[in-house]
């Protein structure tokens, strides 16, 4: 049995500064056959937890370090 994984298209990456090293990366994400959705990730320049915020709610990303250093490239790797 073969598993087919569908990756979304990630566009409109935007980064916003926060306070005390915290910042957010917002992306428009589109899965095939679905409307685009805005997803925001909140993290820190110092590493640590990353919070994912969508229209459905908030959730902590499990082991965010597996996607490297948090930032725009991190978001792309998260959805890859």
PDB file of N, CA and C in Angstrom:
ATOM      1  N   UNK A   1       0.841  -1.167   0.000  1.00  0.00           N
ATOM      2  CA  UNK A   1       0.000   0.000   0.000  1.00  0.00           C
ATOM      3  C   UNK A   1       0.891   1.236   0.000  1.00  0.00           C
ATOM      4  N   UNK A   2       0.627   2.159  -0.882  1.00  0.00           N
ATOM      5  CA  UNK A   2       1.430   3.370  -1.003  1.00  0.00           C
ATOM      6  C   UNK A   2       0.672   4.552  -0.415  1.00  0.00           C
ATOM      7  N   UNK A   3       1.397   5.365   0.326  1.00  0.00           N
ATOM      8  CA  UNK A   3       0.789   6.559   0.926  1.00  0.00           C
ATOM      9  C   UNK A   3       1.086   7.768   0.052  1.00  0.00           C
ATOM     10  N   UNK A   4       0.059   8.522  -0.276  1.00  0.00           N
ATOM     11  CA  UNK A   4       0.236   9.729  -1.064  1.00  0.00           C
ATOM     12  C   UNK A   4       0.003  10.923  -0.156  1.00  0.00           C
ATOM     13  N   UNK A   5       1.056  11.688   0.062  1.00  0.00           N
ATOM     14  CA  UNK A   5       0.956  12.852   0.930  1.00  0.00           C
ATOM     15  C   UNK A   5       0.834  14.094   0.060  1.00  0.00           C
ATOM     16  N   UNK A   6      -0.155  14.901   0.330  1.00  0.00           N
ATOM     17  CA  UNK A   6      -0.381  16.116  -0.442  1.00  0.00           C
ATOM     18  C   UNK A   6       0.099  17.313   0.374  1.00  0.00           C
ATOM     19  N   UNK A   7       1.049  18.036  -0.177  1.00  0.00           N
ATOM     20  CA  UNK A   7       1.545  19.242   0.485  1.00  0.00           C
ATOM     21  C   UNK A   7       0.787  20.450  -0.035  1.00  0.00           C
ATOM     22  N   UNK A   8       0.520  21.410   0.827  1.00  0.00           N
ATOM     23  CA  UNK A   8      -0.188  22.606   0.388  1.00  0.00           C
ATOM     24  C   UNK A   8       0.748  23.587  -0.310  1.00  0.00           C
ATOM     25  N   UNK A   9       0.154  24.563  -0.957  1.00  0.00           N
ATOM     26  CA  UNK A   9       0.911  25.678  -1.519  1.00  0.00           C
ATOM     27  C   UNK A   9       0.962  26.765  -0.449  1.00  0.00           C
ATOM     28  N   UNK A  10       2.160  27.244  -0.144  1.00  0.00           N
ATOM     29  CA  UNK A  10       2.338  28.274   0.874  1.00  0.00           C
ATOM     30  C   UNK A  10       2.727  29.565   0.167  1.00  0.00           C
ATOM     31  N   UNK A  11       1.930  30.620   0.374  1.00  0.00           N
ATOM     32  CA  UNK A  11       2.193  31.907  -0.257  1.00  0.00           C
ATOM     33  C   UNK A  11       2.045  33.030   0.769  1.00  0.00           C
ATOM     34  N   UNK A  12       2.375  34.221   0.337  1.00  0.00           N
ATOM     35  CA  UNK A  12       2.196  35.435   1.143  1.00  0.00           C
ATOM     36  C   UNK A  12       2.764  35.310   2.548  1.00  0.00           C
ATOM     37  N   UNK A  13       4.034  34.936   2.650  1.00  0.00           N
ATOM     38  CA  UNK A  13       4.686  34.869   3.959  1.00  0.00           C
ATOM     39  C   UNK A  13       4.974  36.282   4.453  1.00  0.00           C
ATOM     40  N   UNK A  14       4.583  36.552   5.687  1.00  0.00           N
ATOM     41  CA  UNK A  14       4.740  37.865   6.287  1.00  0.00           C
ATOM     42  C   UNK A  14       5.233  37.689   7.718  1.00  0.00           C
ATOM     43  N   UNK A  15       6.269  38.422   8.087  1.00  0.00           N
ATOM     44  CA  UNK A  15       6.824  38.309   9.435  1.00  0.00           C
ATOM     45  C   UNK A  15       6.612  39.607  10.195  1.00  0.00           C
ATOM     46  N   UNK A  16       6.169  39.480  11.456  1.00  0.00           N
ATOM     47  CA  UNK A  16       5.919  40.625  12.339  1.00  0.00           C
ATOM     48  C   UNK A  16       6.738  40.496  13.612  1.00  0.00           C
ATOM     49  N   UNK A  17       7.351  41.597  14.029  1.00  0.00           N
ATOM     50  CA  UNK A  17       8.100  41.598  15.283  1.00  0.00           C
ATOM     51  C   UNK A  17       7.164  41.737  16.463  1.00  0.00           C
ATOM     52  N   UNK A  18       7.566  41.125  17.564  1.00  0.00           N
ATOM     53  CA  UNK A  18       6.842  41.258  18.820  1.00  0.00           C
ATOM     54  C   UNK A  18       7.758  41.903  19.844  1.00  0.00           C
ATOM     55  N   UNK A  19       7.643  41.503  21.087  1.00  0.00           N
ATOM     56  CA  UNK A  19       8.498  42.027  22.149  1.00  0.00           C
ATOM     57  C   UNK A  19       9.344  40.907  22.741  1.00  0.00           C
ATOM     58  N   UNK A  20      10.484  41.283  23.298  1.00  0.00           N
ATOM     59  CA  UNK A  20      11.370  40.350  24.003  1.00  0.00           C
ATOM     60  C   UNK A  20      11.769  39.145  23.143  1.00  0.00           C
ATOM     61  N   UNK A  21      12.028  39.381  21.853  1.00  0.00           N
ATOM     62  CA  UNK A  21      12.469  38.304  20.971  1.00  0.00           C
ATOM     63  C   UNK A  21      11.362  37.506  20.330  1.00  0.00           C
ATOM     64  N   UNK A  22      10.127  37.774  20.712  1.00  0.00           N
ATOM     65  CA  UNK A  22       9.010  37.041  20.124  1.00  0.00           C
ATOM     66  C   UNK A  22       8.641  37.651  18.770  1.00  0.00           C
ATOM     67  N   UNK A  23       8.231  36.811  17.831  1.00  0.00           N
ATOM     68  CA  UNK A  23       7.748  37.300  16.541  1.00  0.00           C
ATOM     69  C   UNK A  23       6.787  36.281  15.943  1.00  0.00           C
ATOM     70  N   UNK A  24       6.052  36.729  14.929  1.00  0.00           N
ATOM     71  CA  UNK A  24       5.059  35.870  14.294  1.00  0.00           C
ATOM     72  C   UNK A  24       5.327  35.797  12.802  1.00  0.00           C
ATOM     73  N   UNK A  25       5.023  34.657  12.218  1.00  0.00           N
ATOM     74  CA  UNK A  25       5.082  34.466  10.772  1.00  0.00           C
ATOM     75  C   UNK A  25       3.690  34.044  10.331  1.00  0.00           C
ATOM     76  N   UNK A  26       3.149  34.795   9.384  1.00  0.00           N
ATOM     77  CA  UNK A  26       1.812  34.518   8.870  1.00  0.00           C
ATOM     78  C   UNK A  26       1.945  34.047   7.420  1.00  0.00           C
ATOM     79  N   UNK A  27       1.180  33.049   7.049  1.00  0.00           N
ATOM     80  CA  UNK A  27       1.232  32.505   5.694  1.00  0.00           C
ATOM     81  C   UNK A  27      -0.172  32.197   5.203  1.00  0.00           C
ATOM     82  N   UNK A  28      -0.348  32.323   3.906  1.00  0.00           N
ATOM     83  CA  UNK A  28      -1.574  31.855   3.277  1.00  0.00           C
ATOM     84  C   UNK A  28      -1.286  30.453   2.767  1.00  0.00           C
ATOM     85  N   UNK A  29      -2.114  29.501   3.157  1.00  0.00           N
ATOM     86  CA  UNK A  29      -1.894  28.088   2.854  1.00  0.00           C
ATOM     87  C   UNK A  29      -3.101  27.556   2.089  1.00  0.00           C
ATOM     88  N   UNK A  30      -2.826  26.883   0.968  1.00  0.00           N
ATOM     89  CA  UNK A  30      -3.908  26.327   0.156  1.00  0.00           C
ATOM     90  C   UNK A  30      -3.639  24.853  -0.137  1.00  0.00           C
ATOM     91  N   UNK A  31      -4.558  24.006   0.322  1.00  0.00           N
ATOM     92  CA  UNK A  31      -4.505  22.586  -0.013  1.00  0.00           C
ATOM     93  C   UNK A  31      -5.325  22.383  -1.284  1.00  0.00           C
ATOM     94  N   UNK A  32      -4.949  21.401  -2.119  1.00  0.00           N
ATOM     95  CA  UNK A  32      -5.704  21.149  -3.348  1.00  0.00           C
ATOM     96  C   UNK A  32      -7.195  20.955  -3.068  1.00  0.00           C
ATOM     97  N   UNK A  33      -8.027  21.663  -3.817  1.00  0.00           N
ATOM     98  CA  UNK A  33      -9.465  21.537  -3.682  1.00  0.00           C
ATOM     99  C   UNK A  33     -10.068  22.333  -2.532  1.00  0.00           C
ATOM    100  N   UNK A  34      -9.257  23.101  -1.821  1.00  0.00           N
ATOM    101  CA  UNK A  34      -9.760  23.891  -0.700  1.00  0.00           C
ATOM    102  C   UNK A  34      -9.487  25.366  -0.927  1.00  0.00           C
ATOM    103  N   UNK A  35     -10.213  26.208  -0.210  1.00  0.00           N
ATOM    104  CA  UNK A  35      -9.963  27.643  -0.254  1.00  0.00           C
ATOM    105  C   UNK A  35      -8.710  27.979   0.542  1.00  0.00           C
ATOM    106  N   UNK A  36      -8.021  29.070   0.190  1.00  0.00           N
ATOM    107  CA  UNK A  36      -6.840  29.500   0.960  1.00  0.00           C
ATOM    108  C   UNK A  36      -7.216  29.833   2.406  1.00  0.00           C
ATOM    109  N   UNK A  37      -6.297  29.551   3.325  1.00  0.00           N
ATOM    110  CA  UNK A  37      -6.487  29.857   4.742  1.00  0.00           C
ATOM    111  C   UNK A  37      -5.256  30.568   5.269  1.00  0.00           C
ATOM    112  N   UNK A  38      -5.443  31.442   6.206  1.00  0.00           N
ATOM    113  CA  UNK A  38      -4.331  32.135   6.854  1.00  0.00           C
ATOM    114  C   UNK A  38      -3.954  31.356   8.107  1.00  0.00           C
ATOM    115  N   UNK A  39      -2.654  31.054   8.222  1.00  0.00           N
ATOM    116  CA  UNK A  39      -2.127  30.354   9.389  1.00  0.00           C
ATOM    117  C   UNK A  39      -1.017  31.223   9.958  1.00  0.00           C
ATOM    118  N   UNK A  40      -1.017  31.414  11.265  1.00  0.00           N
ATOM    119  CA  UNK A  40       0.021  32.215  11.911  1.00  0.00           C
ATOM    120  C   UNK A  40       0.768  31.353  12.918  1.00  0.00           C
ATOM    121  N   UNK A  41       2.075  31.529  12.962  1.00  0.00           N
ATOM    122  CA  UNK A  41       2.919  30.836  13.928  1.00  0.00           C
ATOM    123  C   UNK A  41       3.601  31.891  14.783  1.00  0.00           C
ATOM    124  N   UNK A  42       3.627  31.674  16.083  1.00  0.00           N
ATOM    125  CA  UNK A  42       4.265  32.604  17.006  1.00  0.00           C
ATOM    126  C   UNK A  42       5.386  31.864  17.719  1.00  0.00           C
ATOM    127  N   UNK A  43       6.588  32.436  17.647  1.00  0.00           N
ATOM    128  CA  UNK A  43       7.752  31.822  18.272  1.00  0.00           C
ATOM    129  C   UNK A  43       8.714  32.889  18.744  1.00  0.00           C
ATOM    130  N   UNK A  44       9.958  32.487  18.986  1.00  0.00           N
ATOM    131  CA  UNK A  44      10.951  33.389  19.541  1.00  0.00           C
ATOM    132  C   UNK A  44      12.302  33.209  18.849  1.00  0.00           C
ATOM    133  N   UNK A  45      13.081  34.281  18.846  1.00  0.00           N
ATOM    134  CA  UNK A  45      14.441  34.199  18.307  1.00  0.00           C
ATOM    135  C   UNK A  45      15.312  33.318  19.198  1.00  0.00           C
ATOM    136  N   UNK A  46      14.860  33.060  20.423  1.00  0.00           N
ATOM    137  CA  UNK A  46      15.617  32.257  21.367  1.00  0.00           C
ATOM    138  C   UNK A  46      15.256  30.772  21.312  1.00  0.00           C
ATOM    139  N   UNK A  47      14.396  30.372  20.373  1.00  0.00           N
ATOM    140  CA  UNK A  47      13.970  28.980  20.283  1.00  0.00           C
ATOM    141  C   UNK A  47      12.783  28.740  21.200  1.00  0.00           C
ATOM    142  N   UNK A  48      12.548  27.503  21.531  1.00  0.00           N
ATOM    143  CA  UNK A  48      11.446  27.179  22.429  1.00  0.00           C
ATOM    144  C   UNK A  48      10.163  26.859  21.690  1.00  0.00           C
ATOM    145  N   UNK A  49       9.049  26.961  22.399  1.00  0.00           N
ATOM    146  CA  UNK A  49       7.774  26.539  21.813  1.00  0.00           C
ATOM    147  C   UNK A  49       7.312  27.436  20.670  1.00  0.00           C
ATOM    148  N   UNK A  50       6.510  26.856  19.788  1.00  0.00           N
ATOM    149  CA  UNK A  50       5.897  27.591  18.681  1.00  0.00           C
ATOM    150  C   UNK A  50       4.392  27.319  18.735  1.00  0.00           C
ATOM    151  N   UNK A  51       3.626  28.379  18.676  1.00  0.00           N
ATOM    152  CA  UNK A  51       2.180  28.291  18.717  1.00  0.00           C
ATOM    153  C   UNK A  51       1.620  28.485  17.313  1.00  0.00           C
ATOM    154  N   UNK A  52       0.753  27.572  16.856  1.00  0.00           N
ATOM    155  CA  UNK A  52       0.093  27.702  15.565  1.00  0.00           C
ATOM    156  C   UNK A  52      -1.322  28.214  15.806  1.00  0.00           C
ATOM    157  N   UNK A  53      -1.682  29.292  15.088  1.00  0.00           N
ATOM    158  CA  UNK A  53      -2.989  29.918  15.248  1.00  0.00           C
ATOM    159  C   UNK A  53      -3.720  29.878  13.905  1.00  0.00           C
ATOM    160  N   UNK A  54      -4.922  29.293  13.887  1.00  0.00           N
ATOM    161  CA  UNK A  54      -5.755  29.238  12.686  1.00  0.00           C
ATOM    162  C   UNK A  54      -7.152  29.731  13.050  1.00  0.00           C
ATOM    163  N   UNK A  55      -8.028  29.754  12.069  1.00  0.00           N
ATOM    164  CA  UNK A  55      -9.411  30.143  12.339  1.00  0.00           C
ATOM    165  C   UNK A  55     -10.133  29.101  13.204  1.00  0.00           C
ATOM    166  N   UNK A  56      -9.543  27.927  13.330  1.00  0.00           N
ATOM    167  CA  UNK A  56     -10.140  26.866  14.147  1.00  0.00           C
ATOM    168  C   UNK A  56      -9.663  26.892  15.596  1.00  0.00           C
ATOM    169  N   UNK A  57      -8.606  27.659  15.878  1.00  0.00           N
ATOM    170  CA  UNK A  57      -8.081  27.732  17.238  1.00  0.00           C
ATOM    171  C   UNK A  57      -6.570  27.764  17.270  1.00  0.00           C
ATOM    172  N   UNK A  58      -6.023  27.443  18.430  1.00  0.00           N
ATOM    173  CA  UNK A  58      -4.581  27.467  18.651  1.00  0.00           C
ATOM    174  C   UNK A  58      -4.100  26.087  19.081  1.00  0.00           C
ATOM    175  N   UNK A  59      -2.853  25.770  18.686  1.00  0.00           N
ATOM    176  CA  UNK A  59      -2.249  24.512  19.131  1.00  0.00           C
ATOM    177  C   UNK A  59      -0.737  24.686  19.161  1.00  0.00           C
ATOM    178  N   UNK A  60      -0.092  24.024  20.103  1.00  0.00           N
ATOM    179  CA  UNK A  60       1.367  24.051  20.190  1.00  0.00           C
ATOM    180  C   UNK A  60       1.935  23.046  19.198  1.00  0.00           C
ATOM    181  N   UNK A  61       2.982  23.429  18.503  1.00  0.00           N
ATOM    182  CA  UNK A  61       3.659  22.537  17.559  1.00  0.00           C
ATOM    183  C   UNK A  61       4.546  21.587  18.358  1.00  0.00           C
ATOM    184  N   UNK A  62       4.369  20.302  18.131  1.00  0.00           N
ATOM    185  CA  UNK A  62       5.183  19.298  18.804  1.00  0.00           C
ATOM    186  C   UNK A  62       6.588  19.298  18.221  1.00  0.00           C
ATOM    187  N   UNK A  63       7.597  19.412  19.075  1.00  0.00           N
ATOM    188  CA  UNK A  63       9.008  19.387  18.686  1.00  0.00           C
ATOM    189  C   UNK A  63       9.309  20.343  17.527  1.00  0.00           C
ATOM    190  N   UNK A  64       9.124  21.650  17.707  1.00  0.00           N
ATOM    191  CA  UNK A  64       9.340  22.602  16.615  1.00  0.00           C
ATOM    192  C   UNK A  64      10.774  22.628  16.097  1.00  0.00           C
ATOM    193  N   UNK A  65      11.738  22.195  16.891  1.00  0.00           N
ATOM    194  CA  UNK A  65      13.135  22.183  16.473  1.00  0.00           C
ATOM    195  C   UNK A  65      13.405  21.269  15.287  1.00  0.00           C
ATOM    196  N   UNK A  66      12.515  20.312  15.026  1.00  0.00           N
ATOM    197  CA  UNK A  66      12.727  19.402  13.888  1.00  0.00           C
ATOM    198  C   UNK A  66      12.620  20.117  12.555  1.00  0.00           C
ATOM    199  N   UNK A  67      12.060  21.342  12.548  1.00  0.00           N
ATOM    200  CA  UNK A  67      11.959  22.122  11.321  1.00  0.00           C
ATOM    201  C   UNK A  67      13.051  23.193  11.234  1.00  0.00           C
ATOM    202  N   UNK A  68      13.998  23.149  12.161  1.00  0.00           N
ATOM    203  CA  UNK A  68      15.104  24.101  12.150  1.00  0.00           C
ATOM    204  C   UNK A  68      14.798  25.354  12.951  1.00  0.00           C
ATOM    205  N   UNK A  69      15.517  26.407  12.614  1.00  0.00           N
ATOM    206  CA  UNK A  69      15.357  27.689  13.305  1.00  0.00           C
ATOM    207  C   UNK A  69      14.049  28.345  12.865  1.00  0.00           C
ATOM    208  N   UNK A  70      13.295  28.883  13.827  1.00  0.00           N
ATOM    209  CA  UNK A  70      11.990  29.458  13.541  1.00  0.00           C
ATOM    210  C   UNK A  70      12.102  30.711  12.677  1.00  0.00           C
ATOM    211  N   UNK A  71      11.267  30.789  11.649  1.00  0.00           N
ATOM    212  CA  UNK A  71      11.206  31.924  10.735  1.00  0.00           C
ATOM    213  C   UNK A  71      10.413  31.528   9.494  1.00  0.00           C
ATOM    214  N   UNK A  72      10.532  32.325   8.434  1.00  0.00           N
ATOM    215  CA  UNK A  72       9.782  32.042   7.204  1.00  0.00           C
ATOM    216  C   UNK A  72      10.141  30.682   6.606  1.00  0.00           C
ATOM    217  N   UNK A  73      11.434  30.358   6.591  1.00  0.00           N
ATOM    218  CA  UNK A  73      11.853  29.055   6.041  1.00  0.00           C
ATOM    219  C   UNK A  73      11.319  27.909   6.910  1.00  0.00           C
ATOM    220  N   UNK A  74      11.209  28.132   8.206  1.00  0.00           N
ATOM    221  CA  UNK A  74      10.649  27.134   9.115  1.00  0.00           C
ATOM    222  C   UNK A  74       9.221  26.794   8.720  1.00  0.00           C
ATOM    223  N   UNK A  75       8.427  27.836   8.416  1.00  0.00           N
ATOM    224  CA  UNK A  75       7.027  27.634   8.013  1.00  0.00           C
ATOM    225  C   UNK A  75       6.961  26.805   6.734  1.00  0.00           C
ATOM    226  N   UNK A  76       7.824  27.101   5.766  1.00  0.00           N
ATOM    227  CA  UNK A  76       7.843  26.322   4.528  1.00  0.00           C
ATOM    228  C   UNK A  76       8.175  24.854   4.803  1.00  0.00           C
ATOM    229  N   UNK A  77       9.158  24.610   5.694  1.00  0.00           N
ATOM    230  CA  UNK A  77       9.520  23.225   6.026  1.00  0.00           C
ATOM    231  C   UNK A  77       8.388  22.532   6.792  1.00  0.00           C
ATOM    232  N   UNK A  78       7.668  23.267   7.635  1.00  0.00           N
ATOM    233  CA  UNK A  78       6.549  22.708   8.386  1.00  0.00           C
ATOM    234  C   UNK A  78       5.495  22.122   7.446  1.00  0.00           C
ATOM    235  N   UNK A  79       5.207  22.825   6.363  1.00  0.00           N
ATOM    236  CA  UNK A  79       4.175  22.372   5.444  1.00  0.00           C
ATOM    237  C   UNK A  79       4.697  21.460   4.333  1.00  0.00           C
ATOM    238  N   UNK A  80       6.011  21.275   4.244  1.00  0.00           N
ATOM    239  CA  UNK A  80       6.586  20.436   3.169  1.00  0.00           C
ATOM    240  C   UNK A  80       6.287  18.965   3.384  1.00  0.00           C
TER     241      UNK A  80
END
